[in-house]
Amino acid sequence: MPNPFRKKPTRAKAEGEIAVLPRKGRPKKSTAKRKPKKGPKSLDEVVATALDDLKAEHVHVLDVRHLTTVTDTMVVASGRSDRHVRAIANAVVEQVKKAGYRPLGVEGARSGEWVLVDLADLVVHVMLPRVREFYNLEKLWDMPAREEAEQGG
């Protein structure tokens, strides 16, 4: 019968690995690869990743700082169905929370035709294509700063 207390031979470390040997009172761990530390992601990056992960369609980013003081950026995206729209909005909320940001509110999640996620400096609109076409937010909010200044606004 083999001795269970006999130390097992350690294998040679591969490049980029740290050997973690068992110590008294500490559970055995296998070797772990080092992961480079990444800095915190910006809110824009977190939202873009969430939209990309859930295959949001026709993502359009609008800079609206010159038009309103409510928010700096609006993101308009489409989903293929009401379930897809809700899933995209939920993914945005989850990823934002994981990254340490706090959403101010979510509107329209029950119907799933148009879900708005308010992240203060960034507002995300996820819509069904027919709703997006009807409201046409891109045309409403996509006014360059010089046109707004010429109109006296």
N, C-alpha and C. Protein backbone atom coordinates (compact mmCIF):
# COMPACT_ATOMS: atom_id res chain seq x y z
N MET A 1 0.84 -1.18 0.00
CA MET A 1 0.00 0.00 0.00
C MET A 1 0.89 1.24 0.00
N PRO A 2 0.62 2.21 -0.92
CA PRO A 2 1.45 3.41 -0.97
C PRO A 2 1.22 4.29 0.25
N ASN A 3 2.26 4.96 0.66
CA ASN A 3 2.21 5.85 1.81
C ASN A 3 1.54 7.16 1.41
N PRO A 4 0.36 7.52 2.00
CA PRO A 4 -0.33 8.75 1.62
C PRO A 4 0.37 10.02 2.10
N PHE A 5 1.30 9.88 3.05
CA PHE A 5 1.98 11.05 3.59
C PHE A 5 3.28 11.38 2.87
N ARG A 6 3.63 10.51 1.93
CA ARG A 6 4.87 10.73 1.21
C ARG A 6 4.67 11.89 0.22
N LYS A 7 5.63 12.79 0.18
CA LYS A 7 5.52 13.94 -0.72
C LYS A 7 5.61 13.47 -2.16
N LYS A 8 4.76 14.05 -2.98
CA LYS A 8 4.79 13.74 -4.40
C LYS A 8 5.90 14.56 -5.05
N PRO A 9 6.52 14.00 -6.05
CA PRO A 9 7.57 14.78 -6.73
C PRO A 9 6.93 15.97 -7.45
N THR A 10 7.62 17.09 -7.42
CA THR A 10 7.10 18.29 -8.09
C THR A 10 7.57 18.29 -9.53
N ARG A 11 6.74 18.80 -10.41
CA ARG A 11 7.12 18.87 -11.82
C ARG A 11 7.84 20.19 -12.06
N ALA A 12 8.58 20.26 -13.14
CA ALA A 12 9.30 21.49 -13.48
C ALA A 12 8.28 22.55 -13.88
N LYS A 13 8.58 23.79 -13.50
CA LYS A 13 7.67 24.89 -13.81
C LYS A 13 7.79 25.25 -15.28
N ALA A 14 6.64 25.48 -15.90
CA ALA A 14 6.63 26.01 -17.26
C ALA A 14 6.82 27.51 -17.17
N GLU A 15 7.22 28.11 -18.25
CA GLU A 15 7.44 29.54 -18.25
C GLU A 15 6.14 30.28 -17.95
N GLY A 16 6.19 31.23 -17.01
CA GLY A 16 5.00 31.99 -16.66
C GLY A 16 4.17 31.36 -15.56
N GLU A 17 4.64 30.26 -14.97
CA GLU A 17 3.89 29.60 -13.90
C GLU A 17 4.62 29.77 -12.57
N ILE A 18 3.84 29.72 -11.53
CA ILE A 18 4.39 29.79 -10.18
C ILE A 18 4.05 28.48 -9.50
N ALA A 19 5.05 27.83 -8.94
CA ALA A 19 4.78 26.58 -8.23
C ALA A 19 4.31 26.91 -6.83
N VAL A 20 3.18 26.36 -6.46
CA VAL A 20 2.64 26.56 -5.12
C VAL A 20 2.76 25.23 -4.41
N LEU A 21 3.68 25.17 -3.47
CA LEU A 21 3.89 23.92 -2.74
C LEU A 21 3.03 23.89 -1.49
N PRO A 22 2.53 22.72 -1.13
CA PRO A 22 1.70 22.65 0.07
C PRO A 22 2.51 22.95 1.32
N ARG A 23 1.89 23.65 2.24
CA ARG A 23 2.51 23.96 3.53
C ARG A 23 1.59 23.47 4.63
N LYS A 24 2.12 23.39 5.78
CA LYS A 24 1.36 22.91 6.91
C LYS A 24 0.17 23.83 7.16
N GLY A 25 -1.04 23.28 7.25
CA GLY A 25 -2.23 24.05 7.53
C GLY A 25 -2.81 24.76 6.31
N ARG A 26 -2.21 24.54 5.17
CA ARG A 26 -2.71 25.18 3.96
C ARG A 26 -3.07 24.11 2.94
N PRO A 27 -4.24 24.21 2.32
CA PRO A 27 -4.62 23.19 1.35
C PRO A 27 -3.70 23.18 0.14
N LYS A 28 -3.59 22.02 -0.48
CA LYS A 28 -2.74 21.89 -1.66
C LYS A 28 -3.38 22.64 -2.82
N LYS A 29 -2.52 23.32 -3.56
CA LYS A 29 -2.97 24.03 -4.75
C LYS A 29 -2.08 23.62 -5.91
N SER A 30 -2.66 23.62 -7.07
CA SER A 30 -1.87 23.32 -8.26
C SER A 30 -1.14 24.57 -8.71
N THR A 31 -0.28 24.41 -9.69
CA THR A 31 0.44 25.58 -10.19
C THR A 31 -0.55 26.48 -10.91
N ALA A 32 -0.33 27.76 -10.81
CA ALA A 32 -1.24 28.73 -11.42
C ALA A 32 -0.46 29.62 -12.37
N LYS A 33 -1.06 29.92 -13.50
CA LYS A 33 -0.42 30.83 -14.45
C LYS A 33 -0.64 32.26 -13.98
N ARG A 34 0.35 33.07 -14.18
CA ARG A 34 0.22 34.49 -13.83
C ARG A 34 -0.62 35.18 -14.87
N LYS A 35 -1.55 35.98 -14.40
CA LYS A 35 -2.36 36.79 -15.29
C LYS A 35 -1.92 38.24 -15.14
N PRO A 36 -1.69 38.90 -16.25
CA PRO A 36 -1.30 40.30 -16.13
C PRO A 36 -2.44 41.11 -15.54
N LYS A 37 -2.09 41.98 -14.60
CA LYS A 37 -3.12 42.81 -13.99
C LYS A 37 -3.55 43.88 -14.96
N LYS A 38 -4.85 44.04 -15.06
CA LYS A 38 -5.41 45.06 -15.93
C LYS A 38 -6.00 46.15 -15.06
N GLY A 39 -5.87 47.37 -15.51
CA GLY A 39 -6.44 48.49 -14.78
C GLY A 39 -7.95 48.48 -14.91
N PRO A 40 -8.62 49.29 -14.13
CA PRO A 40 -10.07 49.34 -14.22
C PRO A 40 -10.51 49.84 -15.60
N LYS A 41 -11.58 49.24 -16.10
CA LYS A 41 -12.11 49.63 -17.40
C LYS A 41 -12.98 50.87 -17.25
N SER A 42 -13.00 51.68 -18.29
CA SER A 42 -13.88 52.84 -18.28
C SER A 42 -15.32 52.37 -18.51
N LEU A 43 -16.25 53.22 -18.18
CA LEU A 43 -17.66 52.89 -18.35
C LEU A 43 -17.97 52.59 -19.82
N ASP A 44 -17.38 53.37 -20.72
CA ASP A 44 -17.58 53.16 -22.15
C ASP A 44 -17.13 51.76 -22.57
N GLU A 45 -15.98 51.33 -22.09
CA GLU A 45 -15.44 50.01 -22.44
C GLU A 45 -16.31 48.89 -21.89
N VAL A 46 -16.80 49.06 -20.68
CA VAL A 46 -17.64 48.04 -20.06
C VAL A 46 -18.94 47.88 -20.86
N VAL A 47 -19.56 49.00 -21.21
CA VAL A 47 -20.81 48.96 -21.98
C VAL A 47 -20.56 48.36 -23.36
N ALA A 48 -19.49 48.77 -24.02
CA ALA A 48 -19.18 48.25 -25.35
C ALA A 48 -18.95 46.74 -25.30
N THR A 49 -18.27 46.26 -24.28
CA THR A 49 -18.03 44.82 -24.14
C THR A 49 -19.34 44.08 -23.93
N ALA A 50 -20.20 44.60 -23.07
CA ALA A 50 -21.49 43.94 -22.81
C ALA A 50 -22.34 43.89 -24.07
N LEU A 51 -22.38 44.97 -24.82
CA LEU A 51 -23.17 44.99 -26.05
C LEU A 51 -22.60 44.01 -27.07
N ASP A 52 -21.29 43.96 -27.16
CA ASP A 52 -20.65 43.05 -28.10
C ASP A 52 -20.85 41.59 -27.70
N ASP A 53 -20.75 41.30 -26.40
CA ASP A 53 -20.92 39.93 -25.92
C ASP A 53 -22.31 39.38 -26.23
N LEU A 54 -23.33 40.22 -26.16
CA LEU A 54 -24.70 39.77 -26.41
C LEU A 54 -25.15 40.02 -27.84
N LYS A 55 -24.21 40.36 -28.71
CA LYS A 55 -24.49 40.52 -30.14
C LYS A 55 -25.55 41.59 -30.43
N ALA A 56 -25.42 42.73 -29.76
CA ALA A 56 -26.31 43.85 -30.06
C ALA A 56 -26.03 44.31 -31.49
N GLU A 57 -27.09 44.71 -32.18
CA GLU A 57 -26.95 45.09 -33.58
C GLU A 57 -27.01 46.60 -33.75
N HIS A 58 -26.32 47.09 -34.77
CA HIS A 58 -26.36 48.49 -35.18
C HIS A 58 -26.13 49.44 -34.00
N VAL A 59 -25.02 49.27 -33.31
CA VAL A 59 -24.69 50.11 -32.16
C VAL A 59 -24.22 51.47 -32.66
N HIS A 60 -24.83 52.52 -32.14
CA HIS A 60 -24.52 53.89 -32.54
C HIS A 60 -24.24 54.71 -31.27
N VAL A 61 -23.09 55.37 -31.23
CA VAL A 61 -22.70 56.17 -30.07
C VAL A 61 -22.82 57.64 -30.43
N LEU A 62 -23.52 58.40 -29.59
CA LEU A 62 -23.75 59.82 -29.83
C LEU A 62 -23.18 60.66 -28.69
N ASP A 63 -22.39 61.66 -29.04
CA ASP A 63 -21.87 62.61 -28.05
C ASP A 63 -22.90 63.74 -27.96
N VAL A 64 -23.54 63.88 -26.81
CA VAL A 64 -24.62 64.87 -26.66
C VAL A 64 -24.28 65.94 -25.60
N ARG A 65 -23.01 66.09 -25.29
CA ARG A 65 -22.61 67.07 -24.27
C ARG A 65 -23.02 68.49 -24.64
N HIS A 66 -23.00 68.80 -25.93
CA HIS A 66 -23.33 70.15 -26.37
C HIS A 66 -24.84 70.39 -26.47
N LEU A 67 -25.63 69.33 -26.29
CA LEU A 67 -27.09 69.45 -26.41
C LEU A 67 -27.84 69.39 -25.08
N THR A 68 -27.25 68.74 -24.09
CA THR A 68 -27.94 68.56 -22.81
C THR A 68 -26.94 68.45 -21.67
N THR A 69 -27.41 68.76 -20.47
CA THR A 69 -26.57 68.60 -19.28
C THR A 69 -26.93 67.33 -18.53
N VAL A 70 -27.92 66.60 -19.04
CA VAL A 70 -28.38 65.38 -18.37
C VAL A 70 -27.37 64.25 -18.50
N THR A 71 -26.75 64.12 -19.66
CA THR A 71 -25.80 63.04 -19.91
C THR A 71 -24.77 63.51 -20.93
N ASP A 72 -23.67 62.78 -21.02
CA ASP A 72 -22.62 63.11 -21.99
C ASP A 72 -22.73 62.28 -23.26
N THR A 73 -23.09 61.01 -23.11
CA THR A 73 -23.08 60.09 -24.23
C THR A 73 -24.35 59.26 -24.25
N MET A 74 -24.88 59.04 -25.45
CA MET A 74 -26.00 58.12 -25.63
C MET A 74 -25.55 57.00 -26.55
N VAL A 75 -25.93 55.79 -26.18
CA VAL A 75 -25.66 54.63 -27.01
C VAL A 75 -27.00 54.05 -27.41
N VAL A 76 -27.20 53.86 -28.72
CA VAL A 76 -28.43 53.28 -29.23
C VAL A 76 -28.06 51.97 -29.90
N ALA A 77 -28.75 50.89 -29.50
CA ALA A 77 -28.47 49.57 -30.07
C ALA A 77 -29.79 48.84 -30.30
N SER A 78 -29.75 47.83 -31.16
CA SER A 78 -30.95 47.05 -31.46
C SER A 78 -30.76 45.60 -31.03
N GLY A 79 -31.90 44.98 -30.71
CA GLY A 79 -31.95 43.55 -30.44
C GLY A 79 -32.92 42.90 -31.41
N ARG A 80 -32.76 41.61 -31.64
CA ARG A 80 -33.59 40.91 -32.63
C ARG A 80 -35.01 40.63 -32.15
N SER A 81 -35.21 40.53 -30.83
CA SER A 81 -36.53 40.24 -30.27
C SER A 81 -36.63 40.91 -28.92
N ASP A 82 -37.85 40.90 -28.34
CA ASP A 82 -37.99 41.52 -27.03
C ASP A 82 -37.14 40.80 -25.98
N ARG A 83 -37.01 39.50 -26.11
CA ARG A 83 -36.16 38.74 -25.18
C ARG A 83 -34.69 39.14 -25.35
N HIS A 84 -34.26 39.32 -26.59
CA HIS A 84 -32.88 39.73 -26.86
C HIS A 84 -32.63 41.14 -26.32
N VAL A 85 -33.58 42.04 -26.49
CA VAL A 85 -33.45 43.41 -25.98
C VAL A 85 -33.28 43.38 -24.46
N ARG A 86 -34.12 42.62 -23.78
CA ARG A 86 -34.02 42.52 -22.31
C ARG A 86 -32.69 41.90 -21.89
N ALA A 87 -32.23 40.88 -22.60
CA ALA A 87 -30.96 40.22 -22.27
C ALA A 87 -29.79 41.18 -22.44
N ILE A 88 -29.81 41.97 -23.49
CA ILE A 88 -28.74 42.94 -23.71
C ILE A 88 -28.71 43.97 -22.58
N ALA A 89 -29.88 44.50 -22.23
CA ALA A 89 -29.95 45.50 -21.15
C ALA A 89 -29.50 44.90 -19.82
N ASN A 90 -29.92 43.66 -19.53
CA ASN A 90 -29.50 43.00 -18.29
C ASN A 90 -27.99 42.78 -18.27
N ALA A 91 -27.42 42.42 -19.42
CA ALA A 91 -25.97 42.21 -19.49
C ALA A 91 -25.22 43.52 -19.24
N VAL A 92 -25.74 44.61 -19.78
CA VAL A 92 -25.11 45.92 -19.54
C VAL A 92 -25.13 46.23 -18.05
N VAL A 93 -26.28 46.04 -17.41
CA VAL A 93 -26.40 46.33 -15.98
C VAL A 93 -25.45 45.44 -15.16
N GLU A 94 -25.42 44.15 -15.46
CA GLU A 94 -24.54 43.22 -14.73
C GLU A 94 -23.07 43.59 -14.87
N GLN A 95 -22.63 43.83 -16.11
CA GLN A 95 -21.22 44.14 -16.36
C GLN A 95 -20.82 45.47 -15.71
N VAL A 96 -21.72 46.43 -15.75
CA VAL A 96 -21.44 47.73 -15.15
C VAL A 96 -21.29 47.58 -13.63
N LYS A 97 -22.17 46.79 -13.02
CA LYS A 97 -22.08 46.57 -11.58
C LYS A 97 -20.79 45.84 -11.21
N LYS A 98 -20.42 44.83 -12.01
CA LYS A 98 -19.16 44.10 -11.76
C LYS A 98 -17.95 45.02 -11.85
N ALA A 99 -18.01 45.99 -12.73
CA ALA A 99 -16.90 46.92 -12.92
C ALA A 99 -16.87 48.01 -11.84
N GLY A 100 -17.89 48.04 -10.98
CA GLY A 100 -17.89 49.00 -9.89
C GLY A 100 -18.70 50.26 -10.13
N TYR A 101 -19.44 50.31 -11.22
CA TYR A 101 -20.30 51.46 -11.49
C TYR A 101 -21.72 51.15 -11.02
N ARG A 102 -22.47 52.21 -10.75
CA ARG A 102 -23.82 52.01 -10.22
C ARG A 102 -24.85 52.60 -11.18
N PRO A 103 -25.69 51.75 -11.77
CA PRO A 103 -26.74 52.27 -12.65
C PRO A 103 -27.76 53.08 -11.85
N LEU A 104 -28.22 54.19 -12.42
CA LEU A 104 -29.22 55.01 -11.75
C LEU A 104 -30.62 54.44 -11.92
N GLY A 105 -30.86 53.76 -13.04
CA GLY A 105 -32.18 53.20 -13.26
C GLY A 105 -32.27 52.45 -14.57
N VAL A 106 -33.31 51.62 -14.65
CA VAL A 106 -33.61 50.87 -15.87
C VAL A 106 -35.10 51.03 -16.13
N GLU A 107 -35.46 51.42 -17.33
CA GLU A 107 -36.86 51.62 -17.69
C GLU A 107 -37.21 50.75 -18.90
N GLY A 108 -38.42 50.21 -18.92
CA GLY A 108 -38.92 49.47 -20.07
C GLY A 108 -38.54 48.01 -20.13
N ALA A 109 -37.96 47.48 -19.07
CA ALA A 109 -37.50 46.09 -19.10
C ALA A 109 -38.67 45.10 -19.14
N ARG A 110 -39.80 45.50 -18.66
CA ARG A 110 -40.95 44.59 -18.65
C ARG A 110 -41.44 44.28 -20.06
N SER A 111 -41.62 45.31 -20.89
CA SER A 111 -42.14 45.08 -22.24
C SER A 111 -41.06 44.58 -23.19
N GLY A 112 -39.84 45.09 -23.05
CA GLY A 112 -38.74 44.62 -23.87
C GLY A 112 -38.69 45.22 -25.26
N GLU A 113 -39.55 46.19 -25.57
CA GLU A 113 -39.48 46.83 -26.88
C GLU A 113 -38.40 47.92 -26.90
N TRP A 114 -38.29 48.64 -25.78
CA TRP A 114 -37.29 49.70 -25.66
C TRP A 114 -36.87 49.71 -24.19
N VAL A 115 -35.62 49.38 -23.94
CA VAL A 115 -35.11 49.39 -22.57
C VAL A 115 -34.04 50.48 -22.48
N LEU A 116 -34.20 51.36 -21.49
CA LEU A 116 -33.26 52.44 -21.26
C LEU A 116 -32.49 52.13 -19.99
N VAL A 117 -31.16 52.17 -20.06
CA VAL A 117 -30.31 51.98 -18.89
C VAL A 117 -29.60 53.30 -18.64
N ASP A 118 -29.90 53.93 -17.50
CA ASP A 118 -29.33 55.23 -17.15
C ASP A 118 -28.09 55.02 -16.29
N LEU A 119 -26.94 55.40 -16.83
CA LEU A 119 -25.67 55.27 -16.11
C LEU A 119 -25.07 56.65 -15.84
N ALA A 120 -25.91 57.65 -15.70
CA ALA A 120 -25.54 59.06 -15.44
C ALA A 120 -24.82 59.66 -16.65
N ASP A 121 -23.52 59.47 -16.78
CA ASP A 121 -22.77 60.07 -17.88
C ASP A 121 -23.03 59.37 -19.21
N LEU A 122 -23.64 58.21 -19.16
CA LEU A 122 -23.91 57.44 -20.37
C LEU A 122 -25.30 56.83 -20.26
N VAL A 123 -26.11 56.99 -21.30
CA VAL A 123 -27.44 56.42 -21.32
C VAL A 123 -27.49 55.42 -22.48
N VAL A 124 -27.93 54.19 -22.19
CA VAL A 124 -27.99 53.14 -23.19
C VAL A 124 -29.45 52.89 -23.54
N HIS A 125 -29.77 52.97 -24.83
CA HIS A 125 -31.10 52.65 -25.34
C HIS A 125 -30.97 51.36 -26.14
N VAL A 126 -31.70 50.32 -25.74
CA VAL A 126 -31.72 49.07 -26.50
C VAL A 126 -33.15 48.91 -27.00
N MET A 127 -33.31 48.78 -28.32
CA MET A 127 -34.64 48.81 -28.91
C MET A 127 -34.83 47.71 -29.96
N LEU A 128 -36.09 47.39 -30.17
CA LEU A 128 -36.43 46.56 -31.31
C LEU A 128 -36.24 47.40 -32.58
N PRO A 129 -35.90 46.80 -33.70
CA PRO A 129 -35.67 47.59 -34.92
C PRO A 129 -36.86 48.47 -35.33
N ARG A 130 -38.08 47.97 -35.22
CA ARG A 130 -39.24 48.77 -35.62
C ARG A 130 -39.43 49.98 -34.70
N VAL A 131 -39.17 49.82 -33.42
CA VAL A 131 -39.28 50.93 -32.46
C VAL A 131 -38.17 51.95 -32.72
N ARG A 132 -36.99 51.44 -32.99
CA ARG A 132 -35.85 52.32 -33.28
C ARG A 132 -36.11 53.14 -34.54
N GLU A 133 -36.66 52.51 -35.54
CA GLU A 133 -36.97 53.21 -36.78
C GLU A 133 -38.05 54.28 -36.56
N PHE A 134 -39.04 53.97 -35.74
CA PHE A 134 -40.14 54.90 -35.48
C PHE A 134 -39.65 56.16 -34.75
N TYR A 135 -38.87 55.98 -33.67
CA TYR A 135 -38.42 57.12 -32.87
C TYR A 135 -37.19 57.81 -33.45
N ASN A 136 -36.36 57.09 -34.16
CA ASN A 136 -35.19 57.63 -34.84
C ASN A 136 -34.37 58.56 -33.94
N LEU A 137 -33.91 58.05 -32.82
CA LEU A 137 -33.14 58.85 -31.85
C LEU A 137 -31.85 59.39 -32.43
N GLU A 138 -31.25 58.65 -33.34
CA GLU A 138 -30.00 59.12 -33.93
C GLU A 138 -30.20 60.46 -34.64
N LYS A 139 -31.29 60.59 -35.38
CA LYS A 139 -31.55 61.84 -36.08
C LYS A 139 -31.89 62.95 -35.09
N LEU A 140 -32.62 62.60 -34.05
CA LEU A 140 -33.03 63.59 -33.05
C LEU A 140 -31.84 64.15 -32.28
N TRP A 141 -30.89 63.30 -31.90
CA TRP A 141 -29.79 63.70 -31.04
C TRP A 141 -28.46 63.92 -31.76
N ASP A 142 -28.36 63.55 -33.02
CA ASP A 142 -27.09 63.66 -33.72
C ASP A 142 -26.97 65.00 -34.43
N MET A 143 -26.80 66.05 -33.62
CA MET A 143 -26.64 67.40 -34.16
C MET A 143 -25.25 67.89 -33.75
N PRO A 144 -24.38 68.13 -34.73
CA PRO A 144 -23.05 68.61 -34.37
C PRO A 144 -23.09 69.93 -33.61
N ALA A 145 -22.07 70.21 -32.83
CA ALA A 145 -22.03 71.40 -31.98
C ALA A 145 -22.15 72.68 -32.80
N ARG A 146 -21.56 72.74 -33.97
CA ARG A 146 -21.61 73.98 -34.76
C ARG A 146 -23.02 74.28 -35.25
N GLU A 147 -23.80 73.23 -35.63
CA GLU A 147 -25.18 73.44 -36.06
C GLU A 147 -26.03 73.95 -34.90
N GLU A 148 -25.78 73.42 -33.72
CA GLU A 148 -26.53 73.83 -32.53
C GLU A 148 -26.22 75.29 -32.21
N ALA A 149 -24.97 75.71 -32.38
CA ALA A 149 -24.57 77.10 -32.10
C ALA A 149 -25.19 78.04 -33.13
N GLU A 150 -25.26 77.60 -34.40
CA GLU A 150 -25.85 78.44 -35.44
C GLU A 150 -27.34 78.66 -35.23
N GLN A 151 -28.02 77.69 -34.64
CA GLN A 151 -29.45 77.80 -34.41
C GLN A 151 -29.77 78.62 -33.17
N GLY A 152 -28.72 79.05 -32.45
CA GLY A 152 -28.93 79.92 -31.31
C GLY A 152 -29.31 79.17 -30.05
N GLY A 153 -29.02 77.86 -29.98
CA GLY A 153 -29.41 77.03 -28.83
C GLY A 153 -28.43 76.96 -27.81
